[in-house]
Amino acid sequence: MNHTAEPITVDAEPYIARLGAQLTEAWGKAQAELALAREENAVRAAREAAKDQRITELEAALAELQNTSTRP
């Protein structure tokens, strides 16, 4: 089997363009997923804040009831 010493040339431009397109697509998907995660975190934080507020209100109501108890 004879090996030639001639270099193999390949036009890299199509590969570079394809990789650039794939990178752009992946970046877009990652940005969309990040935006969704941020939105989900904001919704979760709002729910937790609402729960904390409700707990505070219930604790205040309980304290008020305990202070006005008619027990001997």
N, C-alpha and C. Protein backbone atom coordinates (compact mmCIF):
# COMPACT_ATOMS: atom_id res chain seq x y z
N MET A 1 0.84 -1.16 0.00
CA MET A 1 0.00 0.00 0.00
C MET A 1 0.90 1.23 0.00
N ASN A 2 0.74 2.08 -0.96
CA ASN A 2 1.53 3.31 -1.07
C ASN A 2 0.80 4.47 -0.43
N HIS A 3 1.51 5.22 0.36
CA HIS A 3 0.96 6.43 0.94
C HIS A 3 1.54 7.61 0.18
N THR A 4 0.69 8.52 -0.15
CA THR A 4 1.18 9.70 -0.87
C THR A 4 1.56 10.77 0.14
N ALA A 5 2.48 11.55 -0.22
CA ALA A 5 2.93 12.63 0.65
C ALA A 5 2.16 13.91 0.36
N GLU A 6 1.22 13.84 -0.53
CA GLU A 6 0.45 15.04 -0.88
C GLU A 6 -0.54 15.38 0.23
N PRO A 7 -0.57 16.62 0.65
CA PRO A 7 -1.53 17.00 1.70
C PRO A 7 -2.96 16.98 1.17
N ILE A 8 -3.84 16.67 2.04
CA ILE A 8 -5.26 16.69 1.68
C ILE A 8 -5.77 18.06 2.08
N THR A 9 -6.37 18.74 1.16
CA THR A 9 -6.90 20.07 1.46
C THR A 9 -8.41 20.00 1.56
N VAL A 10 -8.90 20.72 2.52
CA VAL A 10 -10.33 20.76 2.75
C VAL A 10 -10.71 22.23 2.90
N ASP A 11 -11.80 22.60 2.28
CA ASP A 11 -12.30 23.97 2.45
C ASP A 11 -13.01 24.03 3.80
N ALA A 12 -12.42 24.73 4.74
CA ALA A 12 -12.95 24.77 6.10
C ALA A 12 -14.14 25.71 6.25
N GLU A 13 -14.34 26.59 5.30
CA GLU A 13 -15.41 27.58 5.44
C GLU A 13 -16.79 26.97 5.69
N PRO A 14 -17.20 25.94 4.94
CA PRO A 14 -18.53 25.36 5.22
C PRO A 14 -18.62 24.78 6.64
N TYR A 15 -17.55 24.17 7.11
CA TYR A 15 -17.57 23.61 8.46
C TYR A 15 -17.63 24.72 9.50
N ILE A 16 -16.86 25.75 9.28
CA ILE A 16 -16.87 26.88 10.20
C ILE A 16 -18.25 27.54 10.22
N ALA A 17 -18.85 27.68 9.05
CA ALA A 17 -20.19 28.27 8.98
C ALA A 17 -21.21 27.40 9.70
N ARG A 18 -21.10 26.08 9.51
CA ARG A 18 -22.04 25.17 10.17
C ARG A 18 -21.86 25.22 11.69
N LEU A 19 -20.61 25.23 12.14
CA LEU A 19 -20.36 25.32 13.57
C LEU A 19 -20.86 26.64 14.14
N GLY A 20 -20.69 27.71 13.38
CA GLY A 20 -21.20 29.00 13.82
C GLY A 20 -22.71 28.99 13.94
N ALA A 21 -23.37 28.37 12.97
CA ALA A 21 -24.84 28.27 13.03
C ALA A 21 -25.28 27.43 14.22
N GLN A 22 -24.58 26.32 14.47
CA GLN A 22 -24.92 25.47 15.62
C GLN A 22 -24.69 26.21 16.94
N LEU A 23 -23.61 26.97 16.99
CA LEU A 23 -23.33 27.74 18.19
C LEU A 23 -24.40 28.79 18.43
N THR A 24 -24.81 29.45 17.38
CA THR A 24 -25.85 30.48 17.49
C THR A 24 -27.17 29.85 17.96
N GLU A 25 -27.50 28.69 17.40
CA GLU A 25 -28.73 28.00 17.80
C GLU A 25 -28.66 27.56 19.26
N ALA A 26 -27.52 27.00 19.65
CA ALA A 26 -27.36 26.55 21.03
C ALA A 26 -27.43 27.74 22.00
N TRP A 27 -26.84 28.85 21.61
CA TRP A 27 -26.86 30.05 22.45
C TRP A 27 -28.31 30.54 22.62
N GLY A 28 -29.05 30.54 21.52
CA GLY A 28 -30.45 30.96 21.59
C GLY A 28 -31.27 30.07 22.50
N LYS A 29 -31.05 28.76 22.40
CA LYS A 29 -31.78 27.82 23.27
C LYS A 29 -31.40 28.03 24.72
N ALA A 30 -30.11 28.23 24.97
CA ALA A 30 -29.66 28.43 26.34
C ALA A 30 -30.26 29.72 26.92
N GLN A 31 -30.33 30.77 26.11
CA GLN A 31 -30.91 32.03 26.58
C GLN A 31 -32.40 31.87 26.87
N ALA A 32 -33.09 31.10 26.04
CA ALA A 32 -34.52 30.87 26.27
C ALA A 32 -34.73 30.07 27.56
N GLU A 33 -33.89 29.05 27.77
CA GLU A 33 -34.01 28.25 28.99
C GLU A 33 -33.69 29.10 30.23
N LEU A 34 -32.71 29.96 30.10
CA LEU A 34 -32.35 30.84 31.21
C LEU A 34 -33.49 31.80 31.53
N ALA A 35 -34.12 32.35 30.51
CA ALA A 35 -35.25 33.27 30.72
C ALA A 35 -36.40 32.53 31.41
N LEU A 36 -36.67 31.31 30.97
CA LEU A 36 -37.73 30.51 31.58
C LEU A 36 -37.40 30.21 33.04
N ALA A 37 -36.16 29.84 33.31
CA ALA A 37 -35.77 29.54 34.69
C ALA A 37 -35.90 30.79 35.57
N ARG A 38 -35.53 31.94 35.04
CA ARG A 38 -35.67 33.18 35.81
C ARG A 38 -37.13 33.47 36.11
N GLU A 39 -37.98 33.24 35.12
CA GLU A 39 -39.41 33.47 35.32
C GLU A 39 -39.96 32.51 36.37
N GLU A 40 -39.56 31.25 36.29
CA GLU A 40 -40.02 30.26 37.27
C GLU A 40 -39.53 30.63 38.67
N ASN A 41 -38.31 31.10 38.78
CA ASN A 41 -37.78 31.52 40.07
C ASN A 41 -38.54 32.71 40.62
N ALA A 42 -38.90 33.64 39.76
CA ALA A 42 -39.66 34.82 40.19
C ALA A 42 -41.04 34.39 40.70
N VAL A 43 -41.68 33.48 40.00
CA VAL A 43 -43.00 32.99 40.41
C VAL A 43 -42.88 32.26 41.76
N ARG A 44 -41.85 31.43 41.89
CA ARG A 44 -41.64 30.71 43.14
C ARG A 44 -41.38 31.68 44.29
N ALA A 45 -40.57 32.69 44.04
CA ALA A 45 -40.27 33.68 45.08
C ALA A 45 -41.53 34.43 45.49
N ALA A 46 -42.37 34.75 44.53
CA ALA A 46 -43.63 35.45 44.84
C ALA A 46 -44.54 34.57 45.68
N ARG A 47 -44.60 33.28 45.34
CA ARG A 47 -45.42 32.35 46.13
C ARG A 47 -44.90 32.24 47.55
N GLU A 48 -43.58 32.14 47.68
CA GLU A 48 -42.99 32.03 49.01
C GLU A 48 -43.24 33.30 49.82
N ALA A 49 -43.13 34.45 49.18
CA ALA A 49 -43.39 35.71 49.87
C ALA A 49 -44.85 35.77 50.32
N ALA A 50 -45.76 35.31 49.47
CA ALA A 50 -47.18 35.30 49.83
C ALA A 50 -47.43 34.35 50.99
N LYS A 51 -46.77 33.19 50.97
CA LYS A 51 -46.91 32.25 52.08
C LYS A 51 -46.37 32.85 53.37
N ASP A 52 -45.20 33.48 53.28
CA ASP A 52 -44.62 34.11 54.47
C ASP A 52 -45.54 35.19 55.02
N GLN A 53 -46.13 35.96 54.14
CA GLN A 53 -47.06 37.02 54.56
C GLN A 53 -48.27 36.41 55.24
N ARG A 54 -48.78 35.33 54.67
CA ARG A 54 -49.96 34.67 55.25
C ARG A 54 -49.62 34.09 56.63
N ILE A 55 -48.44 33.51 56.76
CA ILE A 55 -48.02 32.96 58.05
C ILE A 55 -47.93 34.08 59.08
N THR A 56 -47.36 35.20 58.68
CA THR A 56 -47.26 36.36 59.59
C THR A 56 -48.64 36.82 60.03
N GLU A 57 -49.57 36.89 59.08
CA GLU A 57 -50.94 37.31 59.40
C GLU A 57 -51.61 36.33 60.36
N LEU A 58 -51.43 35.03 60.11
CA LEU A 58 -52.04 34.03 60.97
C LEU A 58 -51.42 34.04 62.37
N GLU A 59 -50.10 34.22 62.44
CA GLU A 59 -49.45 34.30 63.75
C GLU A 59 -49.94 35.53 64.53
N ALA A 60 -50.13 36.65 63.83
CA ALA A 60 -50.65 37.86 64.48
C ALA A 60 -52.07 37.63 64.97
N ALA A 61 -52.89 36.97 64.17
CA ALA A 61 -54.26 36.68 64.57
C ALA A 61 -54.29 35.74 65.77
N LEU A 62 -53.41 34.76 65.76
CA LEU A 62 -53.33 33.83 66.88
C LEU A 62 -52.92 34.55 68.15
N ALA A 63 -51.92 35.41 68.04
CA ALA A 63 -51.47 36.18 69.22
C ALA A 63 -52.58 37.06 69.75
N GLU A 64 -53.33 37.65 68.86
CA GLU A 64 -54.44 38.51 69.28
C GLU A 64 -55.52 37.69 69.98
N LEU A 65 -55.79 36.53 69.45
CA LEU A 65 -56.79 35.65 70.09
C LEU A 65 -56.30 35.18 71.47
N GLN A 66 -55.03 34.89 71.56
CA GLN A 66 -54.49 34.45 72.86
C GLN A 66 -54.53 35.57 73.87
N ASN A 67 -54.34 36.81 73.43
CA ASN A 67 -54.35 37.94 74.34
C ASN A 67 -55.77 38.31 74.79
N THR A 68 -56.76 37.92 74.01
CA THR A 68 -58.14 38.26 74.36
C THR A 68 -58.91 37.05 74.88
N SER A 69 -58.17 36.03 75.26
CA SER A 69 -58.80 34.81 75.75
C SER A 69 -59.58 35.11 77.03
N THR A 70 -60.71 34.43 77.19
CA THR A 70 -61.54 34.61 78.38
C THR A 70 -61.31 33.48 79.36
N ARG A 71 -60.25 32.72 79.19
CA ARG A 71 -59.97 31.63 80.12
C ARG A 71 -59.57 32.21 81.48
N PRO A 72 -59.97 31.52 82.51
CA PRO A 72 -59.59 31.96 83.87
C PRO A 72 -58.12 31.72 84.13
